[in-house]
Structure formats: structure tokens, C-alpha cells
């Protein structure tokens, strides 16, 4: 058996041809496969998606996949028996670093000997820390205030816990889902004096827009109490 691989973008193309004798007299098919990965770098909580397919142009006529078995670090995680034989595997509590995904393909076709890729095709997948935005707003005087008291909230990133290179470009402040102010330059501070606000608990939502390694936005909500 010979295996040749070529990786490009998020797709790996594998070719293989089995040359071994069989006792049933049926010809052994030549089979070449393409294997499409959603990504070779994933994080816990993400789905790893893999779909194999027959490379029709390079395979014997009529060759088709019968089933596909997937292994993660030599442990079976799924066996698919129907087209498109796609794996959708959610990573949970996997160790950060490199892991091995093995794909075993059973294939055949009318007039051919049914075959299985003996050792499977092995791929390296890297589990990385999930990129996220963490925030650390500053409330003054606190999250408990009275009508008539000045209140402020400065929107800030928690730089120690933010796992990507980003900066705040804009923050929209919402009070009980009503837009109060939109700020597009630092410091991103909302200042207000509530006068006739209902006594009790309210929701202050900060809608962050960030730029840099990613252009994204995220909502963070906090409970603010108006005291008597």
C-alpha cells in the first residue's frame, strides 16, 4: 500500500492503492479518497467536522464508500454507515496540544472485493485554548445606587483573560434593553443621574465592539439596584 498526502487550506487529499491478492477471484479496486476537515486547529466546545469522499477521477469505476470509522487518539468516537459519512465531533475537556485523528474507510462496489484501509489515515489536530473576549467594567460608586446619585460605568477589557489581540472600538450602553448612550472613543464611560427610576433591580447591558485580531461584538449584562 502506498499513501500520498497533500494538505491545502482546510482540506487534505489522500490517495491510496491496495495491491494484495484475494481468494474470491473478484478484482481489487483502486481507490483514492479526499478528506475534508473543517479545521486542523480546534478548541474545547467546538465541533470538528470531517467528510471523506471517493476521488472518482482516480478510482476504479463504481467504487463507493461502505462505512467510515473515526478514532481520536486511537479510541473510536464514531462509525458512520450512510452518506455523506460526516463526523461532527464536539470537543469537551480535551488536553491542549496535538492529537491524532484516524480514519478507517470500508469501500467496494459491484464486482469488486470489499476492502478496508488497514491502518487508516492519520491526521494531526491541534487543540488550542478557545479565543475569547473578557471584560472588566468599573462601576461607580457601585452597582447599588439611589435616585439623584451620580452613576458611572467604564467599559474595559480584562487584558489578562482576553485571549486575542483586540481593542474596543465602540460601546453601546443599554438600560433595561433601552439604548442610553453610544460611545466611540476612550474612555468608554457612561455617566448618568437617575431621578425617578423605579426602586428595585434593573439590567445594564454593555454591547462591546472590538477590532484587531477579529472584528466582533459581544453583550455583557449586569444587575444594578436602585435603592430607596
C-alpha atoms as a PDB file:
ATOM      1  CA  UNK A   1       0.000   0.000   0.000  1.00  0.00           C
ATOM      2  CA  UNK A   2       1.246   3.454  -0.819  1.00  0.00           C
ATOM      3  CA  UNK A   3      -0.092   6.654   0.692  1.00  0.00           C
ATOM      4  CA  UNK A   4       0.475  10.139  -0.615  1.00  0.00           C
ATOM      5  CA  UNK A   5      -0.907  13.236   1.061  1.00  0.00           C
ATOM      6  CA  UNK A   6      -1.224  16.889   0.131  1.00  0.00           C
ATOM      7  CA  UNK A   7      -2.611  19.409   2.623  1.00  0.00           C
ATOM      8  CA  UNK A   8      -4.045  22.696   1.486  1.00  0.00           C
ATOM      9  CA  UNK A   9      -6.292  25.204   3.247  1.00  0.00           C
ATOM     10  CA  UNK A  10      -8.674  23.136   5.407  1.00  0.00           C
ATOM     11  CA  UNK A  11      -8.627  20.155   3.085  1.00  0.00           C
ATOM     12  CA  UNK A  12      -6.357  17.152   2.992  1.00  0.00           C
ATOM     13  CA  UNK A  13      -6.248  14.987  -0.083  1.00  0.00           C
ATOM     14  CA  UNK A  14      -5.181  11.374   0.425  1.00  0.00           C
ATOM     15  CA  UNK A  15      -4.517   8.838  -2.309  1.00  0.00           C
ATOM     16  CA  UNK A  16      -4.014   5.158  -1.753  1.00  0.00           C
ATOM     17  CA  UNK A  17      -3.999   1.987  -3.770  1.00  0.00           C
ATOM     18  CA  UNK A  18      -4.167  -1.544  -2.362  1.00  0.00           C
ATOM     19  CA  UNK A  19      -2.187  -4.252  -4.120  1.00  0.00           C
ATOM     20  CA  UNK A  20      -2.844  -7.558  -2.426  1.00  0.00           C
ATOM     21  CA  UNK A  21      -4.241 -10.897  -3.588  1.00  0.00           C
ATOM     22  CA  UNK A  22      -7.721 -12.123  -2.675  1.00  0.00           C
ATOM     23  CA  UNK A  23      -9.191 -15.628  -2.800  1.00  0.00           C
ATOM     24  CA  UNK A  24     -12.645 -14.775  -4.123  1.00  0.00           C
ATOM     25  CA  UNK A  25     -11.470 -14.056  -7.646  1.00  0.00           C
ATOM     26  CA  UNK A  26     -13.009 -10.572  -7.738  1.00  0.00           C
ATOM     27  CA  UNK A  27     -10.761  -7.719  -8.779  1.00  0.00           C
ATOM     28  CA  UNK A  28      -9.345  -5.376  -6.174  1.00  0.00           C
ATOM     29  CA  UNK A  29     -10.482  -1.800  -6.813  1.00  0.00           C
ATOM     30  CA  UNK A  30      -8.135   1.114  -6.997  1.00  0.00           C
ATOM     31  CA  UNK A  31      -9.443   3.694  -4.565  1.00  0.00           C
ATOM     32  CA  UNK A  32      -8.410   7.254  -3.963  1.00  0.00           C
ATOM     33  CA  UNK A  33     -10.063   9.472  -1.352  1.00  0.00           C
ATOM     34  CA  UNK A  34     -10.305  13.129  -0.421  1.00  0.00           C
ATOM     35  CA  UNK A  35     -10.817  14.041   3.218  1.00  0.00           C
ATOM     36  CA  UNK A  36     -12.197  17.460   4.116  1.00  0.00           C
ATOM     37  CA  UNK A  37     -11.577  18.839   7.597  1.00  0.00           C
ATOM     38  CA  UNK A  38     -13.439  21.853   8.990  1.00  0.00           C
ATOM     39  CA  UNK A  39     -10.135  22.819  10.623  1.00  0.00           C
ATOM     40  CA  UNK A  40      -6.896  21.315  11.897  1.00  0.00           C
ATOM     41  CA  UNK A  41      -6.968  23.687  14.881  1.00  0.00           C
ATOM     42  CA  UNK A  42      -9.934  23.485  17.256  1.00  0.00           C
ATOM     43  CA  UNK A  43     -10.891  24.403  20.809  1.00  0.00           C
ATOM     44  CA  UNK A  44     -12.895  22.655  23.503  1.00  0.00           C
ATOM     45  CA  UNK A  45     -16.559  23.380  22.887  1.00  0.00           C
ATOM     46  CA  UNK A  46     -16.062  23.448  19.110  1.00  0.00           C
ATOM     47  CA  UNK A  47     -17.161  20.806  16.606  1.00  0.00           C
ATOM     48  CA  UNK A  48     -14.638  19.006  14.446  1.00  0.00           C
ATOM     49  CA  UNK A  49     -16.247  18.134  11.114  1.00  0.00           C
ATOM     50  CA  UNK A  50     -14.715  15.620   8.702  1.00  0.00           C
ATOM     51  CA  UNK A  51     -16.181  14.352   5.416  1.00  0.00           C
ATOM     52  CA  UNK A  52     -14.425  11.737   3.244  1.00  0.00           C
ATOM     53  CA  UNK A  53     -15.256  11.141  -0.401  1.00  0.00           C
ATOM     54  CA  UNK A  54     -14.135   8.961  -3.306  1.00  0.00           C
ATOM     55  CA  UNK A  55     -11.923  10.742  -5.824  1.00  0.00           C
ATOM     56  CA  UNK A  56     -13.881   9.476  -8.819  1.00  0.00           C
ATOM     57  CA  UNK A  57     -11.347  10.622 -11.396  1.00  0.00           C
ATOM     58  CA  UNK A  58      -8.576   8.497  -9.887  1.00  0.00           C
ATOM     59  CA  UNK A  59     -10.549   5.459  -8.666  1.00  0.00           C
ATOM     60  CA  UNK A  60     -11.874   2.340 -10.346  1.00  0.00           C
ATOM     61  CA  UNK A  61     -15.341   2.883 -11.861  1.00  0.00           C
ATOM     62  CA  UNK A  62     -18.146   2.279  -9.385  1.00  0.00           C
ATOM     63  CA  UNK A  63     -16.053   2.367  -6.212  1.00  0.00           C
ATOM     64  CA  UNK A  64     -18.062   3.638  -3.248  1.00  0.00           C
ATOM     65  CA  UNK A  65     -17.624   4.060   0.497  1.00  0.00           C
ATOM     66  CA  UNK A  66     -19.434   1.489   2.663  1.00  0.00           C
ATOM     67  CA  UNK A  67     -18.675   2.903   6.114  1.00  0.00           C
ATOM     68  CA  UNK A  68     -16.195   5.153   7.920  1.00  0.00           C
ATOM     69  CA  UNK A  69     -14.788   4.704  11.411  1.00  0.00           C
ATOM     70  CA  UNK A  70     -13.239   7.646  13.254  1.00  0.00           C
ATOM     71  CA  UNK A  71     -10.749   7.401  16.113  1.00  0.00           C
ATOM     72  CA  UNK A  72      -9.418  10.112  18.426  1.00  0.00           C
ATOM     73  CA  UNK A  73      -6.062   9.162  19.899  1.00  0.00           C
ATOM     74  CA  UNK A  74      -6.774   5.505  18.985  1.00  0.00           C
ATOM     75  CA  UNK A  75     -10.215   5.499  20.672  1.00  0.00           C
ATOM     76  CA  UNK A  76     -13.290   5.001  18.472  1.00  0.00           C
ATOM     77  CA  UNK A  77     -15.536   8.069  18.633  1.00  0.00           C
ATOM     78  CA  UNK A  78     -17.936   7.334  15.752  1.00  0.00           C
ATOM     79  CA  UNK A  79     -18.770   4.938  12.943  1.00  0.00           C
ATOM     80  CA  UNK A  80     -20.835   6.279  10.062  1.00  0.00           C
ATOM     81  CA  UNK A  81     -22.773   3.915   7.781  1.00  0.00           C
ATOM     82  CA  UNK A  82     -24.553   6.292   5.418  1.00  0.00           C
ATOM     83  CA  UNK A  83     -23.512   9.048   3.031  1.00  0.00           C
ATOM     84  CA  UNK A  84     -22.008  11.576   3.375  1.00  0.00           C
ATOM     85  CA  UNK A  85     -20.272   9.707   6.262  1.00  0.00           C
ATOM     86  CA  UNK A  86     -19.570  13.001   8.021  1.00  0.00           C
ATOM     87  CA  UNK A  87     -18.164  13.170  11.540  1.00  0.00           C
ATOM     88  CA  UNK A  88     -19.416  16.028  13.743  1.00  0.00           C
ATOM     89  CA  UNK A  89     -17.481  15.625  16.961  1.00  0.00           C
ATOM     90  CA  UNK A  90     -17.784  18.117  19.819  1.00  0.00           C
ATOM     91  CA  UNK A  91     -14.572  18.502  21.768  1.00  0.00           C
ATOM     92  CA  UNK A  92     -15.018  18.505  25.530  1.00  0.00           C
ATOM     93  CA  UNK A  93     -12.222  18.630  28.117  1.00  0.00           C
ATOM     94  CA  UNK A  94      -9.561  17.581  25.640  1.00  0.00           C
ATOM     95  CA  UNK A  95      -5.949  18.231  26.604  1.00  0.00           C
ATOM     96  CA  UNK A  96      -4.431  21.228  24.867  1.00  0.00           C
ATOM     97  CA  UNK A  97      -1.882  20.254  22.244  1.00  0.00           C
ATOM     98  CA  UNK A  98      -1.574  17.795  19.402  1.00  0.00           C
ATOM     99  CA  UNK A  99      -3.889  14.800  18.941  1.00  0.00           C
ATOM    100  CA  UNK A 100      -4.224  12.109  16.285  1.00  0.00           C
ATOM    101  CA  UNK A 101      -7.394  11.546  14.272  1.00  0.00           C
ATOM    102  CA  UNK A 102      -7.516   8.207  12.436  1.00  0.00           C
ATOM    103  CA  UNK A 103      -9.990   7.488   9.639  1.00  0.00           C
ATOM    104  CA  UNK A 104     -10.682   3.913   8.539  1.00  0.00           C
ATOM    105  CA  UNK A 105     -12.682   3.562   5.337  1.00  0.00           C
ATOM    106  CA  UNK A 106     -14.502   0.435   4.193  1.00  0.00           C
ATOM    107  CA  UNK A 107     -15.223   0.513   0.473  1.00  0.00           C
ATOM    108  CA  UNK A 108     -16.063  -1.606  -2.506  1.00  0.00           C
ATOM    109  CA  UNK A 109     -18.512  -1.732  -5.372  1.00  0.00           C
ATOM    110  CA  UNK A 110     -20.382  -4.076  -7.675  1.00  0.00           C
ATOM    111  CA  UNK A 111     -17.999  -6.710  -8.979  1.00  0.00           C
ATOM    112  CA  UNK A 112     -15.164  -5.732  -6.625  1.00  0.00           C
ATOM    113  CA  UNK A 113     -13.706  -7.215  -3.469  1.00  0.00           C
ATOM    114  CA  UNK A 114     -14.804  -5.279  -0.381  1.00  0.00           C
ATOM    115  CA  UNK A 115     -11.792  -3.600   1.197  1.00  0.00           C
ATOM    116  CA  UNK A 116     -10.836  -1.702   4.359  1.00  0.00           C
ATOM    117  CA  UNK A 117      -7.938   0.715   4.724  1.00  0.00           C
ATOM    118  CA  UNK A 118      -5.910  -1.422   7.160  1.00  0.00           C
ATOM    119  CA  UNK A 119      -4.183   1.193   9.307  1.00  0.00           C
ATOM    120  CA  UNK A 120      -6.428   4.080   8.410  1.00  0.00           C
ATOM    121  CA  UNK A 121      -5.332   7.580   7.535  1.00  0.00           C
ATOM    122  CA  UNK A 122      -3.830   9.581  10.386  1.00  0.00           C
ATOM    123  CA  UNK A 123      -4.030  13.335  10.795  1.00  0.00           C
ATOM    124  CA  UNK A 124      -2.681  15.731  13.386  1.00  0.00           C
ATOM    125  CA  UNK A 125      -5.220  18.041  15.030  1.00  0.00           C
ATOM    126  CA  UNK A 126      -4.152  20.748  17.450  1.00  0.00           C
ATOM    127  CA  UNK A 127      -6.399  21.622  20.402  1.00  0.00           C
ATOM    128  CA  UNK A 128      -5.841  25.233  21.412  1.00  0.00           C
ATOM    129  CA  UNK A 129      -7.250  27.493  24.081  1.00  0.00           C
ATOM    130  CA  UNK A 130     -10.540  28.976  22.955  1.00  0.00           C
ATOM    131  CA  UNK A 131     -10.181  32.569  21.932  1.00  0.00           C
ATOM    132  CA  UNK A 132     -12.455  34.805  23.907  1.00  0.00           C
ATOM    133  CA  UNK A 133     -13.080  38.359  24.981  1.00  0.00           C
ATOM    134  CA  UNK A 134     -13.138  39.040  28.718  1.00  0.00           C
ATOM    135  CA  UNK A 135     -14.288  42.335  30.191  1.00  0.00           C
ATOM    136  CA  UNK A 136     -13.846  44.162  33.485  1.00  0.00           C
ATOM    137  CA  UNK A 137     -16.187  47.151  33.698  1.00  0.00           C
ATOM    138  CA  UNK A 138     -15.749  49.620  36.554  1.00  0.00           C
ATOM    139  CA  UNK A 139     -18.900  50.786  38.362  1.00  0.00           C
ATOM    140  CA  UNK A 140     -19.003  53.951  40.444  1.00  0.00           C
ATOM    141  CA  UNK A 141     -19.951  54.281  43.227  1.00  0.00           C
ATOM    142  CA  UNK A 142     -21.141  50.633  42.973  1.00  0.00           C
ATOM    143  CA  UNK A 143     -23.894  48.503  41.438  1.00  0.00           C
ATOM    144  CA  UNK A 144     -26.250  49.775  44.140  1.00  0.00           C
ATOM    145  CA  UNK A 145     -27.311  53.415  43.853  1.00  0.00           C
ATOM    146  CA  UNK A 146     -30.103  55.816  44.769  1.00  0.00           C
ATOM    147  CA  UNK A 147     -32.115  58.224  42.655  1.00  0.00           C
ATOM    148  CA  UNK A 148     -30.277  61.519  42.498  1.00  0.00           C
ATOM    149  CA  UNK A 149     -26.807  59.994  42.871  1.00  0.00           C
ATOM    150  CA  UNK A 150     -24.279  60.229  40.037  1.00  0.00           C
ATOM    151  CA  UNK A 151     -23.621  56.843  38.481  1.00  0.00           C
ATOM    152  CA  UNK A 152     -20.932  55.806  36.027  1.00  0.00           C
ATOM    153  CA  UNK A 153     -19.763  52.659  34.289  1.00  0.00           C
ATOM    154  CA  UNK A 154     -16.476  52.473  32.392  1.00  0.00           C
ATOM    155  CA  UNK A 155     -16.284  49.655  29.823  1.00  0.00           C
ATOM    156  CA  UNK A 156     -12.878  47.956  29.871  1.00  0.00           C
ATOM    157  CA  UNK A 157     -11.299  44.723  28.677  1.00  0.00           C
ATOM    158  CA  UNK A 158      -9.802  42.232  31.089  1.00  0.00           C
ATOM    159  CA  UNK A 159      -6.448  42.036  29.350  1.00  0.00           C
ATOM    160  CA  UNK A 160      -5.235  39.064  31.401  1.00  0.00           C
ATOM    161  CA  UNK A 161      -8.182  36.883  30.385  1.00  0.00           C
ATOM    162  CA  UNK A 162      -8.753  38.116  26.834  1.00  0.00           C
ATOM    163  CA  UNK A 163      -7.025  35.534  24.633  1.00  0.00           C
ATOM    164  CA  UNK A 164      -6.715  37.575  21.449  1.00  0.00           C
ATOM    165  CA  UNK A 165      -5.230  40.861  20.346  1.00  0.00           C
ATOM    166  CA  UNK A 166      -8.195  43.242  20.184  1.00  0.00           C
ATOM    167  CA  UNK A 167      -9.162  46.756  21.204  1.00  0.00           C
ATOM    168  CA  UNK A 168     -12.514  48.342  21.957  1.00  0.00           C
ATOM    169  CA  UNK A 169     -13.833  50.447  19.090  1.00  0.00           C
ATOM    170  CA  UNK A 170     -17.305  51.257  20.427  1.00  0.00           C
ATOM    171  CA  UNK A 171     -19.591  50.509  23.366  1.00  0.00           C
ATOM    172  CA  UNK A 172     -23.364  50.866  23.462  1.00  0.00           C
ATOM    173  CA  UNK A 173     -24.932  51.126  26.920  1.00  0.00           C
ATOM    174  CA  UNK A 174     -28.475  49.829  27.370  1.00  0.00           C
ATOM    175  CA  UNK A 175     -30.655  50.230  30.466  1.00  0.00           C
ATOM    176  CA  UNK A 176     -33.393  47.608  30.668  1.00  0.00           C
ATOM    177  CA  UNK A 177     -32.804  46.980  26.918  1.00  0.00           C
ATOM    178  CA  UNK A 178     -33.263  50.665  26.065  1.00  0.00           C
ATOM    179  CA  UNK A 179     -30.259  52.366  24.443  1.00  0.00           C
ATOM    180  CA  UNK A 180     -28.938  55.115  26.687  1.00  0.00           C
ATOM    181  CA  UNK A 181     -25.643  56.081  25.049  1.00  0.00           C
ATOM    182  CA  UNK A 182     -23.207  55.057  22.306  1.00  0.00           C
ATOM    183  CA  UNK A 183     -19.529  55.905  22.845  1.00  0.00           C
ATOM    184  CA  UNK A 184     -16.885  55.556  20.123  1.00  0.00           C
ATOM    185  CA  UNK A 185     -13.695  56.754  21.828  1.00  0.00           C
ATOM    186  CA  UNK A 186     -11.796  56.064  25.038  1.00  0.00           C
ATOM    187  CA  UNK A 187     -12.620  56.316  27.864  1.00  0.00           C
ATOM    188  CA  UNK A 188     -15.794  54.352  27.179  1.00  0.00           C
ATOM    189  CA  UNK A 189     -17.601  55.716  30.221  1.00  0.00           C
ATOM    190  CA  UNK A 190     -21.347  56.010  30.657  1.00  0.00           C
ATOM    191  CA  UNK A 191     -22.359  58.678  33.167  1.00  0.00           C
ATOM    192  CA  UNK A 192     -25.914  59.291  34.327  1.00  0.00           C
ATOM    193  CA  UNK A 193     -28.028  60.527  37.220  1.00  0.00           C
ATOM    194  CA  UNK A 194     -31.255  58.594  37.684  1.00  0.00           C
ATOM    195  CA  UNK A 195     -34.023  60.731  39.168  1.00  0.00           C
ATOM    196  CA  UNK A 196     -37.347  58.908  39.034  1.00  0.00           C
ATOM    197  CA  UNK A 197     -36.185  55.358  38.366  1.00  0.00           C
ATOM    198  CA  UNK A 198     -38.239  52.510  39.800  1.00  0.00           C
ATOM    199  CA  UNK A 199     -36.903  51.110  43.057  1.00  0.00           C
ATOM    200  CA  UNK A 200     -35.528  47.607  42.619  1.00  0.00           C
ATOM    201  CA  UNK A 201     -33.355  45.660  40.212  1.00  0.00           C
ATOM    202  CA  UNK A 202     -32.538  46.744  36.673  1.00  0.00           C
ATOM    203  CA  UNK A 203     -30.345  45.456  33.844  1.00  0.00           C
ATOM    204  CA  UNK A 204     -27.416  47.370  32.442  1.00  0.00           C
ATOM    205  CA  UNK A 205     -26.105  45.859  29.193  1.00  0.00           C
ATOM    206  CA  UNK A 206     -22.783  46.760  27.603  1.00  0.00           C
ATOM    207  CA  UNK A 207     -22.561  45.998  23.907  1.00  0.00           C
ATOM    208  CA  UNK A 208     -18.848  45.869  23.080  1.00  0.00           C
ATOM    209  CA  UNK A 209     -17.470  46.237  19.544  1.00  0.00           C
ATOM    210  CA  UNK A 210     -13.834  45.201  19.123  1.00  0.00           C
ATOM    211  CA  UNK A 211     -11.296  45.327  16.302  1.00  0.00           C
ATOM    212  CA  UNK A 212      -7.876  43.796  15.785  1.00  0.00           C
ATOM    213  CA  UNK A 213      -7.265  40.062  15.507  1.00  0.00           C
ATOM    214  CA  UNK A 214     -11.023  39.751  14.981  1.00  0.00           C
ATOM    215  CA  UNK A 215     -13.783  42.226  14.258  1.00  0.00           C
ATOM    216  CA  UNK A 216     -16.533  41.135  16.591  1.00  0.00           C
ATOM    217  CA  UNK A 217     -19.094  42.255  19.119  1.00  0.00           C
ATOM    218  CA  UNK A 218     -20.366  40.845  22.399  1.00  0.00           C
ATOM    219  CA  UNK A 219     -23.015  41.606  25.018  1.00  0.00           C
ATOM    220  CA  UNK A 220     -22.429  41.628  28.773  1.00  0.00           C
ATOM    221  CA  UNK A 221     -25.259  42.335  31.222  1.00  0.00           C
ATOM    222  CA  UNK A 222     -25.142  43.362  34.891  1.00  0.00           C
ATOM    223  CA  UNK A 223     -27.723  43.786  37.634  1.00  0.00           C
ATOM    224  CA  UNK A 224     -27.991  47.312  39.002  1.00  0.00           C
ATOM    225  CA  UNK A 225     -30.141  48.001  42.063  1.00  0.00           C
ATOM    226  CA  UNK A 226     -31.902  51.305  42.715  1.00  0.00           C
ATOM    227  CA  UNK A 227     -32.234  51.649  46.472  1.00  0.00           C
ATOM    228  CA  UNK A 228     -34.758  53.710  48.446  1.00  0.00           C
END
